[in-house]
Amino acid sequence: MGMIKNQIGKQLGSRVTGLAPGLTTSFVREALARAINGVGPLPAAAKAAEKQLAEQKGDRDKAVRELVENHVRFAGAQGFVTNVGGLVTAPLTIPTNVTGLALLQCRMVAGIAHLRGYDLDDPKVRNAILVTVLGEDVVEDLVKKNKLPAPPMAMATAPVHDEALDATVSREVASSIISRITGKRAAVAVTRRIPGVGGVVGASADGYATWKIGRYAERELLPRAAR
């Protein structure tokens, strides 16, 4: 099913901007800001990360794993991502389940970055968070095609911030969200013929996708040396 979604999403991605009016690079940045600062029932990413660190008695690796597990549960909870997405997309015609999932994944990666010693106010780190949410396979492909200069870790630790990169990163994330919209709609159309299956498939796929991104963030965003 995941393969079907990806294939259809790629085929239709260039044709669906009309399905998501308002899905611009500025929207991507606003969604990231809300993911980091907190939105609705979700407190700020750093605050949630610190809570996990306290619960794990200062063990940062355990706190990271717990953070990932919590967001996987959020992503798989029926209706949760839609409700969160609605808080961000209220004035826009964008599917709230897709944008809500992207927001959750940004929040998870931001929390991991915080626990690993990165400054969430640093624009280089914010770019790295967005790129991580694209997923490892997509990032490797974009780097190979020279559409991105480097993987997330190198971007976050670059000596200077390249402002021109902001638009590139936002554009790639917006494109990824559009692909998710088309892929998810196609998958729902396929499973709708089987009563009750569509929601289960969607929830399972969202949870698995979130887990994969969490694992990628764990491997990619290595701890910063104490300064």
N, C-alpha and C. Protein backbone atom coordinates (compact mmCIF):
# COMPACT_ATOMS: atom_id res chain seq x y z
N MET A 1 0.82 -1.21 0.00
CA MET A 1 0.00 0.00 0.00
C MET A 1 0.86 1.26 0.00
N GLY A 2 1.97 1.25 0.81
CA GLY A 2 2.86 2.40 0.85
C GLY A 2 3.46 2.67 -0.51
N MET A 3 3.82 1.60 -1.24
CA MET A 3 4.40 1.78 -2.57
C MET A 3 3.39 2.41 -3.52
N ILE A 4 2.13 1.98 -3.43
CA ILE A 4 1.08 2.53 -4.28
C ILE A 4 0.92 4.02 -4.00
N LYS A 5 0.92 4.40 -2.71
CA LYS A 5 0.76 5.79 -2.35
C LYS A 5 1.90 6.63 -2.89
N ASN A 6 3.12 6.13 -2.74
CA ASN A 6 4.28 6.89 -3.20
C ASN A 6 4.26 7.08 -4.71
N GLN A 7 3.93 6.01 -5.44
CA GLN A 7 3.93 6.08 -6.90
C GLN A 7 2.88 7.06 -7.40
N ILE A 8 1.67 6.95 -6.84
CA ILE A 8 0.60 7.84 -7.27
C ILE A 8 0.91 9.27 -6.89
N GLY A 9 1.46 9.45 -5.67
CA GLY A 9 1.81 10.80 -5.23
C GLY A 9 2.80 11.46 -6.16
N LYS A 10 3.81 10.72 -6.59
CA LYS A 10 4.82 11.28 -7.48
C LYS A 10 4.22 11.61 -8.84
N GLN A 11 3.33 10.75 -9.32
CA GLN A 11 2.75 10.95 -10.64
C GLN A 11 1.84 12.18 -10.68
N LEU A 12 1.14 12.42 -9.56
CA LEU A 12 0.15 13.50 -9.56
C LEU A 12 0.64 14.78 -8.90
N GLY A 13 1.81 14.72 -8.26
CA GLY A 13 2.28 15.85 -7.47
C GLY A 13 2.31 17.15 -8.24
N SER A 14 2.70 17.11 -9.49
CA SER A 14 2.82 18.34 -10.28
C SER A 14 1.47 18.88 -10.71
N ARG A 15 0.40 18.12 -10.48
CA ARG A 15 -0.93 18.51 -10.98
C ARG A 15 -1.88 18.92 -9.87
N VAL A 16 -1.42 18.95 -8.63
CA VAL A 16 -2.39 19.09 -7.54
C VAL A 16 -2.27 20.39 -6.76
N THR A 17 -1.55 21.36 -7.26
CA THR A 17 -1.49 22.60 -6.51
C THR A 17 -2.88 23.19 -6.30
N GLY A 18 -3.77 22.90 -7.23
CA GLY A 18 -5.14 23.38 -7.08
C GLY A 18 -5.88 22.71 -5.93
N LEU A 19 -5.42 21.52 -5.51
CA LEU A 19 -6.05 20.83 -4.40
C LEU A 19 -5.65 21.43 -3.06
N ALA A 20 -4.57 22.21 -3.04
CA ALA A 20 -4.07 22.74 -1.78
C ALA A 20 -3.73 24.22 -1.89
N PRO A 21 -4.70 25.06 -2.23
CA PRO A 21 -4.41 26.49 -2.30
C PRO A 21 -3.94 26.99 -0.93
N GLY A 22 -2.93 27.83 -0.92
CA GLY A 22 -2.40 28.33 0.34
C GLY A 22 -1.20 27.54 0.82
N LEU A 23 -0.91 26.41 0.18
CA LEU A 23 0.24 25.61 0.60
C LEU A 23 1.50 26.22 0.00
N THR A 24 2.03 27.21 0.68
CA THR A 24 3.17 27.96 0.20
C THR A 24 4.35 27.76 1.14
N THR A 25 5.49 28.32 0.73
CA THR A 25 6.67 28.21 1.58
C THR A 25 6.46 28.94 2.90
N SER A 26 5.70 30.03 2.88
CA SER A 26 5.43 30.74 4.13
C SER A 26 4.58 29.90 5.08
N PHE A 27 3.66 29.11 4.51
CA PHE A 27 2.86 28.21 5.35
C PHE A 27 3.74 27.17 6.03
N VAL A 28 4.72 26.64 5.28
CA VAL A 28 5.64 25.64 5.84
C VAL A 28 6.36 26.22 7.06
N ARG A 29 6.83 27.46 6.94
CA ARG A 29 7.55 28.09 8.06
C ARG A 29 6.63 28.34 9.24
N GLU A 30 5.40 28.72 8.97
CA GLU A 30 4.44 28.95 10.06
C GLU A 30 4.12 27.65 10.78
N ALA A 31 3.94 26.58 10.03
CA ALA A 31 3.67 25.28 10.64
C ALA A 31 4.84 24.84 11.51
N LEU A 32 6.06 25.05 11.03
CA LEU A 32 7.25 24.69 11.81
C LEU A 32 7.30 25.50 13.10
N ALA A 33 7.03 26.79 13.00
CA ALA A 33 7.06 27.64 14.19
C ALA A 33 6.06 27.16 15.23
N ARG A 34 4.87 26.77 14.78
CA ARG A 34 3.86 26.28 15.72
C ARG A 34 4.25 24.92 16.30
N ALA A 35 4.89 24.11 15.49
CA ALA A 35 5.36 22.81 15.99
C ALA A 35 6.39 23.01 17.10
N ILE A 36 7.26 24.00 16.93
CA ILE A 36 8.31 24.26 17.92
C ILE A 36 7.76 24.97 19.15
N ASN A 37 6.88 25.94 18.93
CA ASN A 37 6.39 26.79 20.03
C ASN A 37 5.18 26.21 20.75
N GLY A 38 4.54 25.21 20.15
CA GLY A 38 3.36 24.61 20.75
C GLY A 38 2.09 25.05 20.05
N VAL A 39 1.12 24.15 19.97
CA VAL A 39 -0.15 24.46 19.33
C VAL A 39 -1.23 23.56 19.94
N GLY A 40 -2.37 24.17 20.27
CA GLY A 40 -3.48 23.39 20.81
C GLY A 40 -3.08 22.59 22.04
N PRO A 41 -3.34 21.27 22.03
CA PRO A 41 -3.03 20.43 23.20
C PRO A 41 -1.55 20.08 23.31
N LEU A 42 -0.76 20.48 22.33
CA LEU A 42 0.66 20.11 22.31
C LEU A 42 1.52 21.26 22.82
N PRO A 43 2.23 21.07 23.95
CA PRO A 43 3.14 22.11 24.43
C PRO A 43 4.36 22.23 23.52
N ALA A 44 5.18 23.22 23.76
CA ALA A 44 6.37 23.47 22.95
C ALA A 44 7.25 22.23 22.88
N ALA A 45 7.93 22.07 21.76
CA ALA A 45 8.77 20.88 21.54
C ALA A 45 9.83 20.74 22.61
N ALA A 46 10.51 21.83 22.96
CA ALA A 46 11.58 21.76 23.97
C ALA A 46 11.00 21.40 25.34
N LYS A 47 9.83 21.94 25.66
CA LYS A 47 9.19 21.64 26.95
C LYS A 47 8.83 20.16 27.04
N ALA A 48 8.28 19.61 25.96
CA ALA A 48 7.94 18.18 25.95
C ALA A 48 9.19 17.33 26.06
N ALA A 49 10.26 17.76 25.40
CA ALA A 49 11.52 17.02 25.45
C ALA A 49 12.10 17.03 26.86
N GLU A 50 12.06 18.18 27.51
CA GLU A 50 12.58 18.29 28.87
C GLU A 50 11.77 17.44 29.85
N LYS A 51 10.47 17.35 29.61
CA LYS A 51 9.63 16.51 30.46
C LYS A 51 10.05 15.05 30.35
N GLN A 52 10.30 14.61 29.12
CA GLN A 52 10.75 13.23 28.93
C GLN A 52 12.12 13.01 29.55
N LEU A 53 12.99 14.01 29.46
CA LEU A 53 14.32 13.89 30.05
C LEU A 53 14.22 13.72 31.56
N ALA A 54 13.31 14.47 32.18
CA ALA A 54 13.12 14.35 33.62
C ALA A 54 12.56 12.98 33.99
N GLU A 55 11.60 12.50 33.19
CA GLU A 55 11.00 11.20 33.47
C GLU A 55 12.01 10.06 33.31
N GLN A 56 12.97 10.26 32.41
CA GLN A 56 14.00 9.24 32.18
C GLN A 56 15.25 9.50 33.01
N LYS A 57 15.11 10.36 34.02
CA LYS A 57 16.18 10.64 35.00
C LYS A 57 17.48 11.09 34.33
N GLY A 58 17.34 11.94 33.31
CA GLY A 58 18.51 12.52 32.68
C GLY A 58 19.13 11.69 31.57
N ASP A 59 18.57 10.52 31.28
CA ASP A 59 19.11 9.68 30.20
C ASP A 59 18.56 10.20 28.87
N ARG A 60 19.42 10.87 28.11
CA ARG A 60 18.96 11.52 26.88
C ARG A 60 18.56 10.51 25.80
N ASP A 61 19.26 9.41 25.71
CA ASP A 61 18.91 8.41 24.70
C ASP A 61 17.53 7.83 24.97
N LYS A 62 17.24 7.53 26.24
CA LYS A 62 15.92 7.01 26.59
C LYS A 62 14.84 8.07 26.35
N ALA A 63 15.18 9.32 26.65
CA ALA A 63 14.22 10.41 26.44
C ALA A 63 13.89 10.55 24.95
N VAL A 64 14.89 10.42 24.09
CA VAL A 64 14.68 10.50 22.65
C VAL A 64 13.76 9.37 22.20
N ARG A 65 14.03 8.16 22.67
CA ARG A 65 13.19 7.01 22.27
C ARG A 65 11.75 7.19 22.73
N GLU A 66 11.58 7.70 23.94
CA GLU A 66 10.23 7.91 24.46
C GLU A 66 9.51 9.00 23.67
N LEU A 67 10.25 10.03 23.28
CA LEU A 67 9.69 11.10 22.48
C LEU A 67 9.17 10.56 21.14
N VAL A 68 9.95 9.70 20.52
CA VAL A 68 9.54 9.09 19.26
C VAL A 68 8.30 8.24 19.46
N GLU A 69 8.31 7.41 20.50
CA GLU A 69 7.17 6.52 20.75
C GLU A 69 5.89 7.33 20.99
N ASN A 70 6.00 8.42 21.73
CA ASN A 70 4.81 9.25 21.99
C ASN A 70 4.24 9.82 20.70
N HIS A 71 5.11 10.30 19.82
CA HIS A 71 4.62 10.89 18.58
C HIS A 71 4.10 9.84 17.60
N VAL A 72 4.64 8.65 17.67
CA VAL A 72 4.08 7.55 16.87
C VAL A 72 2.66 7.25 17.33
N ARG A 73 2.44 7.27 18.65
CA ARG A 73 1.09 7.04 19.17
C ARG A 73 0.15 8.17 18.75
N PHE A 74 0.63 9.42 18.82
CA PHE A 74 -0.19 10.55 18.38
C PHE A 74 -0.59 10.37 16.91
N ALA A 75 0.40 10.01 16.09
CA ALA A 75 0.17 9.89 14.65
C ALA A 75 -0.83 8.78 14.33
N GLY A 76 -0.82 7.73 15.14
CA GLY A 76 -1.70 6.59 14.89
C GLY A 76 -3.08 6.74 15.51
N ALA A 77 -3.25 7.74 16.37
CA ALA A 77 -4.54 7.93 17.05
C ALA A 77 -5.57 8.49 16.07
N GLN A 78 -6.68 7.80 15.95
CA GLN A 78 -7.71 8.21 15.00
C GLN A 78 -8.22 9.61 15.31
N GLY A 79 -8.10 10.51 14.35
CA GLY A 79 -8.64 11.85 14.50
C GLY A 79 -7.69 12.85 15.13
N PHE A 80 -6.61 12.40 15.78
CA PHE A 80 -5.73 13.33 16.49
C PHE A 80 -5.01 14.27 15.53
N VAL A 81 -4.41 13.72 14.47
CA VAL A 81 -3.65 14.57 13.55
C VAL A 81 -4.58 15.53 12.81
N THR A 82 -5.82 15.10 12.57
CA THR A 82 -6.77 15.98 11.90
C THR A 82 -7.10 17.18 12.79
N ASN A 83 -7.32 16.93 14.08
CA ASN A 83 -7.63 18.01 15.01
C ASN A 83 -6.47 18.98 15.14
N VAL A 84 -5.25 18.46 15.23
CA VAL A 84 -4.07 19.33 15.34
C VAL A 84 -3.89 20.12 14.05
N GLY A 85 -4.04 19.45 12.91
CA GLY A 85 -3.89 20.14 11.63
C GLY A 85 -4.90 21.24 11.46
N GLY A 86 -6.10 21.05 11.99
CA GLY A 86 -7.14 22.05 11.86
C GLY A 86 -6.79 23.35 12.56
N LEU A 87 -5.96 23.28 13.60
CA LEU A 87 -5.55 24.48 14.31
C LEU A 87 -4.60 25.32 13.49
N VAL A 88 -3.96 24.70 12.50
CA VAL A 88 -2.98 25.41 11.68
C VAL A 88 -3.59 25.85 10.36
N THR A 89 -4.49 25.05 9.81
CA THR A 89 -4.99 25.28 8.45
C THR A 89 -6.39 25.86 8.41
N ALA A 90 -6.89 26.35 9.53
CA ALA A 90 -8.27 26.83 9.59
C ALA A 90 -8.64 27.78 8.46
N PRO A 91 -7.79 28.77 8.12
CA PRO A 91 -8.18 29.69 7.05
C PRO A 91 -7.83 29.19 5.66
N LEU A 92 -7.26 28.00 5.54
CA LEU A 92 -6.76 27.50 4.26
C LEU A 92 -7.49 26.24 3.84
N THR A 93 -7.46 25.95 2.54
CA THR A 93 -8.07 24.73 2.03
C THR A 93 -6.98 23.69 1.84
N ILE A 94 -6.52 23.14 2.95
CA ILE A 94 -5.47 22.12 2.93
C ILE A 94 -5.94 20.97 3.80
N PRO A 95 -5.80 19.73 3.36
CA PRO A 95 -6.25 18.58 4.16
C PRO A 95 -5.58 18.57 5.54
N THR A 96 -6.40 18.64 6.59
CA THR A 96 -5.85 18.79 7.93
C THR A 96 -5.16 17.53 8.44
N ASN A 97 -5.55 16.36 7.93
CA ASN A 97 -4.89 15.15 8.40
C ASN A 97 -3.44 15.10 7.92
N VAL A 98 -3.18 15.60 6.73
CA VAL A 98 -1.83 15.58 6.18
C VAL A 98 -0.96 16.63 6.85
N THR A 99 -1.48 17.85 6.97
CA THR A 99 -0.69 18.91 7.59
C THR A 99 -0.50 18.66 9.08
N GLY A 100 -1.49 18.05 9.72
CA GLY A 100 -1.36 17.72 11.14
C GLY A 100 -0.25 16.70 11.36
N LEU A 101 -0.13 15.74 10.46
CA LEU A 101 0.93 14.75 10.57
C LEU A 101 2.30 15.41 10.38
N ALA A 102 2.40 16.30 9.40
CA ALA A 102 3.66 17.01 9.17
C ALA A 102 4.05 17.82 10.40
N LEU A 103 3.06 18.46 11.03
CA LEU A 103 3.34 19.25 12.22
C LEU A 103 3.84 18.36 13.36
N LEU A 104 3.20 17.22 13.56
CA LEU A 104 3.63 16.29 14.59
C LEU A 104 5.06 15.82 14.35
N GLN A 105 5.38 15.52 13.10
CA GLN A 105 6.71 15.04 12.79
C GLN A 105 7.76 16.13 12.98
N CYS A 106 7.42 17.38 12.62
CA CYS A 106 8.33 18.51 12.88
C CYS A 106 8.57 18.66 14.37
N ARG A 107 7.51 18.54 15.17
CA ARG A 107 7.63 18.68 16.63
C ARG A 107 8.51 17.59 17.21
N MET A 108 8.33 16.37 16.73
CA MET A 108 9.15 15.25 17.20
C MET A 108 10.63 15.48 16.90
N VAL A 109 10.94 15.86 15.66
CA VAL A 109 12.33 16.07 15.27
C VAL A 109 12.92 17.25 16.04
N ALA A 110 12.12 18.30 16.25
CA ALA A 110 12.59 19.45 17.04
C ALA A 110 12.93 19.03 18.46
N GLY A 111 12.08 18.18 19.04
CA GLY A 111 12.35 17.69 20.40
C GLY A 111 13.64 16.89 20.47
N ILE A 112 13.86 16.06 19.47
CA ILE A 112 15.10 15.27 19.41
C ILE A 112 16.30 16.21 19.27
N ALA A 113 16.17 17.21 18.39
CA ALA A 113 17.26 18.17 18.21
C ALA A 113 17.58 18.89 19.52
N HIS A 114 16.55 19.27 20.26
CA HIS A 114 16.76 19.95 21.55
C HIS A 114 17.52 19.05 22.51
N LEU A 115 17.11 17.79 22.60
CA LEU A 115 17.78 16.86 23.51
C LEU A 115 19.22 16.60 23.10
N ARG A 116 19.51 16.76 21.83
CA ARG A 116 20.87 16.52 21.34
C ARG A 116 21.73 17.80 21.37
N GLY A 117 21.19 18.88 21.92
CA GLY A 117 22.00 20.07 22.13
C GLY A 117 21.93 21.13 21.06
N TYR A 118 20.92 21.09 20.19
CA TYR A 118 20.78 22.08 19.13
C TYR A 118 19.86 23.21 19.58
N ASP A 119 20.12 24.41 19.08
CA ASP A 119 19.34 25.60 19.39
C ASP A 119 18.18 25.70 18.41
N LEU A 120 16.96 25.55 18.90
CA LEU A 120 15.79 25.55 18.02
C LEU A 120 15.49 26.92 17.43
N ASP A 121 16.12 27.96 17.94
CA ASP A 121 15.95 29.29 17.36
C ASP A 121 16.93 29.56 16.23
N ASP A 122 17.89 28.68 16.05
CA ASP A 122 18.90 28.84 14.99
C ASP A 122 18.26 28.50 13.65
N PRO A 123 18.29 29.41 12.67
CA PRO A 123 17.67 29.11 11.37
C PRO A 123 18.30 27.92 10.66
N LYS A 124 19.57 27.64 10.91
CA LYS A 124 20.22 26.47 10.32
C LYS A 124 19.60 25.19 10.87
N VAL A 125 19.31 25.19 12.17
CA VAL A 125 18.69 24.04 12.81
C VAL A 125 17.26 23.86 12.32
N ARG A 126 16.55 24.96 12.13
CA ARG A 126 15.17 24.86 11.64
C ARG A 126 15.13 24.27 10.23
N ASN A 127 16.08 24.65 9.40
CA ASN A 127 16.16 24.03 8.08
C ASN A 127 16.43 22.54 8.20
N ALA A 128 17.33 22.18 9.12
CA ALA A 128 17.67 20.77 9.31
C ALA A 128 16.46 19.97 9.77
N ILE A 129 15.62 20.56 10.63
CA ILE A 129 14.41 19.88 11.09
C ILE A 129 13.48 19.60 9.93
N LEU A 130 13.25 20.61 9.10
CA LEU A 130 12.36 20.43 7.95
C LEU A 130 12.90 19.38 6.99
N VAL A 131 14.20 19.40 6.75
CA VAL A 131 14.79 18.43 5.83
C VAL A 131 14.67 17.02 6.40
N THR A 132 14.86 16.86 7.70
CA THR A 132 14.74 15.54 8.33
C THR A 132 13.35 14.97 8.13
N VAL A 133 12.33 15.82 8.19
CA VAL A 133 10.95 15.36 8.03
C VAL A 133 10.68 14.83 6.62
N LEU A 134 11.51 15.22 5.66
CA LEU A 134 11.35 14.67 4.31
C LEU A 134 11.62 13.17 4.28
N GLY A 135 12.44 12.68 5.21
CA GLY A 135 12.77 11.27 5.24
C GLY A 135 14.11 10.99 4.59
N GLU A 136 14.76 9.93 5.04
CA GLU A 136 16.13 9.64 4.61
C GLU A 136 16.26 9.41 3.11
N ASP A 137 15.36 8.64 2.53
CA ASP A 137 15.46 8.33 1.10
C ASP A 137 15.32 9.59 0.25
N VAL A 138 14.36 10.44 0.61
CA VAL A 138 14.16 11.68 -0.14
C VAL A 138 15.37 12.59 -0.01
N VAL A 139 15.89 12.71 1.21
CA VAL A 139 17.05 13.58 1.44
C VAL A 139 18.25 13.10 0.62
N GLU A 140 18.51 11.81 0.64
CA GLU A 140 19.64 11.27 -0.11
C GLU A 140 19.49 11.56 -1.60
N ASP A 141 18.27 11.43 -2.10
CA ASP A 141 18.01 11.70 -3.52
C ASP A 141 18.22 13.18 -3.85
N LEU A 142 17.75 14.07 -2.98
CA LEU A 142 17.89 15.51 -3.23
C LEU A 142 19.35 15.96 -3.15
N VAL A 143 20.10 15.36 -2.23
CA VAL A 143 21.53 15.69 -2.13
C VAL A 143 22.26 15.19 -3.37
N LYS A 144 21.90 13.99 -3.80
CA LYS A 144 22.54 13.40 -4.98
C LYS A 144 22.27 14.26 -6.22
N LYS A 145 21.08 14.85 -6.30
CA LYS A 145 20.71 15.69 -7.44
C LYS A 145 21.14 17.15 -7.26
N ASN A 146 21.86 17.43 -6.16
CA ASN A 146 22.34 18.78 -5.86
C ASN A 146 21.21 19.78 -5.62
N LYS A 147 20.04 19.27 -5.22
CA LYS A 147 18.95 20.16 -4.87
C LYS A 147 19.05 20.60 -3.41
N LEU A 148 19.77 19.82 -2.61
CA LEU A 148 20.13 20.20 -1.26
C LEU A 148 21.64 20.08 -1.13
N PRO A 149 22.28 20.97 -0.35
CA PRO A 149 23.74 20.95 -0.26
C PRO A 149 24.29 19.83 0.61
N ALA A 150 23.48 19.34 1.57
CA ALA A 150 24.00 18.37 2.53
C ALA A 150 22.85 17.76 3.33
N PRO A 151 23.11 16.67 4.06
CA PRO A 151 22.10 16.09 4.95
C PRO A 151 21.84 17.02 6.14
N PRO A 152 20.82 16.70 6.96
CA PRO A 152 20.44 17.57 8.07
C PRO A 152 21.55 17.92 9.05
N MET A 153 22.35 16.94 9.46
CA MET A 153 23.39 17.19 10.45
C MET A 153 24.36 18.26 9.97
N ALA A 154 24.80 18.14 8.73
CA ALA A 154 25.74 19.12 8.17
C ALA A 154 25.09 20.49 8.03
N MET A 155 23.82 20.52 7.70
CA MET A 155 23.12 21.79 7.58
C MET A 155 22.99 22.47 8.94
N ALA A 156 22.68 21.69 9.97
CA ALA A 156 22.48 22.26 11.30
C ALA A 156 23.78 22.80 11.89
N THR A 157 24.91 22.22 11.51
CA THR A 157 26.19 22.60 12.09
C THR A 157 27.05 23.43 11.15
N ALA A 158 26.47 23.91 10.06
CA ALA A 158 27.22 24.74 9.11
C ALA A 158 27.72 26.00 9.82
N PRO A 159 28.87 26.52 9.41
CA PRO A 159 29.43 27.69 10.09
C PRO A 159 28.59 28.95 9.93
N VAL A 160 27.87 29.08 8.81
CA VAL A 160 27.04 30.27 8.59
C VAL A 160 25.69 29.84 8.02
N HIS A 161 24.71 30.72 8.20
CA HIS A 161 23.37 30.45 7.67
C HIS A 161 23.26 30.99 6.25
N ASP A 162 22.86 30.12 5.33
CA ASP A 162 22.65 30.50 3.94
C ASP A 162 21.17 30.83 3.77
N GLU A 163 20.83 32.11 3.70
CA GLU A 163 19.43 32.50 3.62
C GLU A 163 18.75 31.98 2.35
N ALA A 164 19.52 31.82 1.29
CA ALA A 164 18.94 31.32 0.03
C ALA A 164 18.42 29.89 0.20
N LEU A 165 18.98 29.18 1.18
CA LEU A 165 18.57 27.79 1.41
C LEU A 165 17.18 27.69 2.02
N ASP A 166 16.76 28.73 2.72
CA ASP A 166 15.45 28.71 3.38
C ASP A 166 14.33 28.42 2.38
N ALA A 167 14.34 29.14 1.27
CA ALA A 167 13.29 28.97 0.26
C ALA A 167 13.35 27.58 -0.37
N THR A 168 14.57 27.09 -0.62
CA THR A 168 14.72 25.76 -1.21
C THR A 168 14.14 24.69 -0.31
N VAL A 169 14.47 24.75 0.98
CA VAL A 169 13.98 23.76 1.94
C VAL A 169 12.47 23.83 2.05
N SER A 170 11.93 25.04 2.17
CA SER A 170 10.48 25.19 2.29
C SER A 170 9.76 24.66 1.05
N ARG A 171 10.34 24.92 -0.10
CA ARG A 171 9.73 24.47 -1.36
C ARG A 171 9.71 22.94 -1.42
N GLU A 172 10.78 22.29 -1.02
CA GLU A 172 10.83 20.83 -1.05
C GLU A 172 9.84 20.22 -0.06
N VAL A 173 9.69 20.84 1.10
CA VAL A 173 8.73 20.33 2.08
C VAL A 173 7.30 20.52 1.59
N ALA A 174 7.01 21.68 0.99
CA ALA A 174 5.68 21.90 0.43
C ALA A 174 5.37 20.87 -0.64
N SER A 175 6.35 20.57 -1.49
CA SER A 175 6.17 19.56 -2.54
C SER A 175 5.91 18.19 -1.93
N SER A 176 6.61 17.89 -0.84
CA SER A 176 6.41 16.59 -0.17
C SER A 176 5.00 16.49 0.40
N ILE A 177 4.51 17.58 0.99
CA ILE A 177 3.16 17.58 1.55
C ILE A 177 2.12 17.37 0.45
N ILE A 178 2.33 18.01 -0.69
CA ILE A 178 1.41 17.82 -1.82
C ILE A 178 1.42 16.37 -2.27
N SER A 179 2.59 15.75 -2.32
CA SER A 179 2.67 14.34 -2.70
C SER A 179 1.93 13.46 -1.70
N ARG A 180 2.01 13.82 -0.42
CA ARG A 180 1.29 13.05 0.59
C ARG A 180 -0.21 13.18 0.39
N ILE A 181 -0.65 14.40 0.01
CA ILE A 181 -2.08 14.62 -0.20
C ILE A 181 -2.59 13.69 -1.30
N THR A 182 -1.90 13.68 -2.43
CA THR A 182 -2.35 12.85 -3.55
C THR A 182 -2.24 11.37 -3.22
N GLY A 183 -1.14 10.98 -2.58
CA GLY A 183 -0.95 9.58 -2.25
C GLY A 183 -1.97 9.07 -1.27
N LYS A 184 -2.26 9.90 -0.24
CA LYS A 184 -3.21 9.47 0.77
C LYS A 184 -4.63 9.39 0.21
N ARG A 185 -4.99 10.35 -0.63
CA ARG A 185 -6.33 10.32 -1.22
C ARG A 185 -6.50 9.09 -2.10
N ALA A 186 -5.45 8.74 -2.85
CA ALA A 186 -5.53 7.56 -3.71
C ALA A 186 -5.66 6.29 -2.87
N ALA A 187 -4.90 6.23 -1.77
CA ALA A 187 -4.95 5.05 -0.91
C ALA A 187 -6.33 4.89 -0.28
N VAL A 188 -6.89 6.02 0.17
CA VAL A 188 -8.23 5.97 0.77
C VAL A 188 -9.26 5.50 -0.26
N ALA A 189 -9.11 5.97 -1.50
CA ALA A 189 -10.05 5.57 -2.54
C ALA A 189 -10.00 4.06 -2.77
N VAL A 190 -8.80 3.50 -2.69
CA VAL A 190 -8.63 2.06 -2.91
C VAL A 190 -9.25 1.27 -1.77
N THR A 191 -9.00 1.72 -0.51
CA THR A 191 -9.45 0.94 0.64
C THR A 191 -10.90 1.22 1.03
N ARG A 192 -11.49 2.26 0.47
CA ARG A 192 -12.86 2.63 0.85
C ARG A 192 -13.86 1.53 0.49
N ARG A 193 -13.50 0.69 -0.47
CA ARG A 193 -14.40 -0.38 -0.87
C ARG A 193 -14.55 -1.45 0.21
N ILE A 194 -13.60 -1.46 1.17
CA ILE A 194 -13.67 -2.43 2.25
C ILE A 194 -14.09 -1.70 3.52
N PRO A 195 -15.28 -1.96 4.05
CA PRO A 195 -15.78 -1.21 5.20
C PRO A 195 -14.81 -1.24 6.38
N GLY A 196 -14.50 -0.03 6.91
CA GLY A 196 -13.67 0.06 8.11
C GLY A 196 -12.18 -0.03 7.89
N VAL A 197 -11.74 -0.36 6.70
CA VAL A 197 -10.32 -0.60 6.48
C VAL A 197 -9.56 0.71 6.25
N GLY A 198 -10.17 1.66 5.57
CA GLY A 198 -9.47 2.89 5.20
C GLY A 198 -8.83 3.60 6.37
N GLY A 199 -9.59 3.80 7.46
CA GLY A 199 -9.06 4.49 8.62
C GLY A 199 -7.93 3.74 9.28
N VAL A 200 -8.06 2.41 9.36
CA VAL A 200 -7.03 1.59 9.98
C VAL A 200 -5.74 1.66 9.19
N VAL A 201 -5.85 1.56 7.88
CA VAL A 201 -4.66 1.63 7.03
C VAL A 201 -3.98 2.98 7.17
N GLY A 202 -4.79 4.06 7.17
CA GLY A 202 -4.23 5.40 7.28
C GLY A 202 -3.51 5.60 8.60
N ALA A 203 -4.13 5.17 9.70
CA ALA A 203 -3.52 5.33 11.02
C ALA A 203 -2.22 4.54 11.12
N SER A 204 -2.22 3.31 10.63
CA SER A 204 -1.02 2.47 10.68
C SER A 204 0.10 3.07 9.85
N ALA A 205 -0.24 3.57 8.65
CA ALA A 205 0.76 4.16 7.77
C ALA A 205 1.34 5.43 8.39
N ASP A 206 0.50 6.25 9.01
CA ASP A 206 0.97 7.49 9.64
C ASP A 206 1.92 7.18 10.79
N GLY A 207 1.57 6.20 11.60
CA GLY A 207 2.43 5.83 12.72
C GLY A 207 3.76 5.29 12.25
N TYR A 208 3.74 4.45 11.23
CA TYR A 208 4.98 3.87 10.72
C TYR A 208 5.86 4.94 10.09
N ALA A 209 5.25 5.85 9.32
CA ALA A 209 6.02 6.93 8.69
C ALA A 209 6.68 7.81 9.76
N THR A 210 5.95 8.07 10.84
CA THR A 210 6.49 8.89 11.92
C THR A 210 7.64 8.17 12.62
N TRP A 211 7.49 6.88 12.83
CA TRP A 211 8.56 6.09 13.45
C TRP A 211 9.83 6.12 12.59
N LYS A 212 9.67 5.98 11.29
CA LYS A 212 10.83 6.01 10.39
C LYS A 212 11.56 7.35 10.45
N ILE A 213 10.81 8.44 10.48
CA ILE A 213 11.43 9.76 10.56
C ILE A 213 12.11 9.94 11.91
N GLY A 214 11.48 9.44 12.97
CA GLY A 214 12.10 9.51 14.29
C GLY A 214 13.42 8.77 14.35
N ARG A 215 13.45 7.60 13.76
CA ARG A 215 14.69 6.81 13.74
C ARG A 215 15.76 7.51 12.91
N TYR A 216 15.35 8.13 11.82
CA TYR A 216 16.29 8.88 10.98
C TYR A 216 16.86 10.05 11.77
N ALA A 217 16.01 10.77 12.48
CA ALA A 217 16.47 11.89 13.29
C ALA A 217 17.44 11.43 14.38
N GLU A 218 17.16 10.28 15.00
CA GLU A 218 18.06 9.74 16.02
C GLU A 218 19.45 9.48 15.46
N ARG A 219 19.50 8.93 14.26
CA ARG A 219 20.80 8.60 13.65
C ARG A 219 21.51 9.83 13.09
N GLU A 220 20.74 10.76 12.56
CA GLU A 220 21.32 11.88 11.84
C GLU A 220 21.75 13.03 12.75
N LEU A 221 20.90 13.39 13.71
CA LEU A 221 21.18 14.53 14.58
C LEU A 221 21.98 14.07 15.79
N LEU A 222 23.27 13.93 15.58
CA LEU A 222 24.15 13.45 16.66
C LEU A 222 24.31 14.51 17.73
N PRO A 223 24.62 14.09 18.96
CA PRO A 223 24.76 15.06 20.06
C PRO A 223 25.83 16.11 19.77
N ARG A 224 25.52 17.35 20.09
CA ARG A 224 26.49 18.43 19.98
C ARG A 224 27.42 18.40 21.18
N ALA A 225 28.68 18.72 20.96
CA ALA A 225 29.64 18.78 22.06
C ALA A 225 29.27 19.95 22.98
N ALA A 226 29.46 19.73 24.27
CA ALA A 226 29.17 20.80 25.25
C ALA A 226 30.03 22.02 24.96
N ARG A 227 29.38 23.20 24.99
CA ARG A 227 30.12 24.43 24.70
C ARG A 227 30.16 25.32 25.93
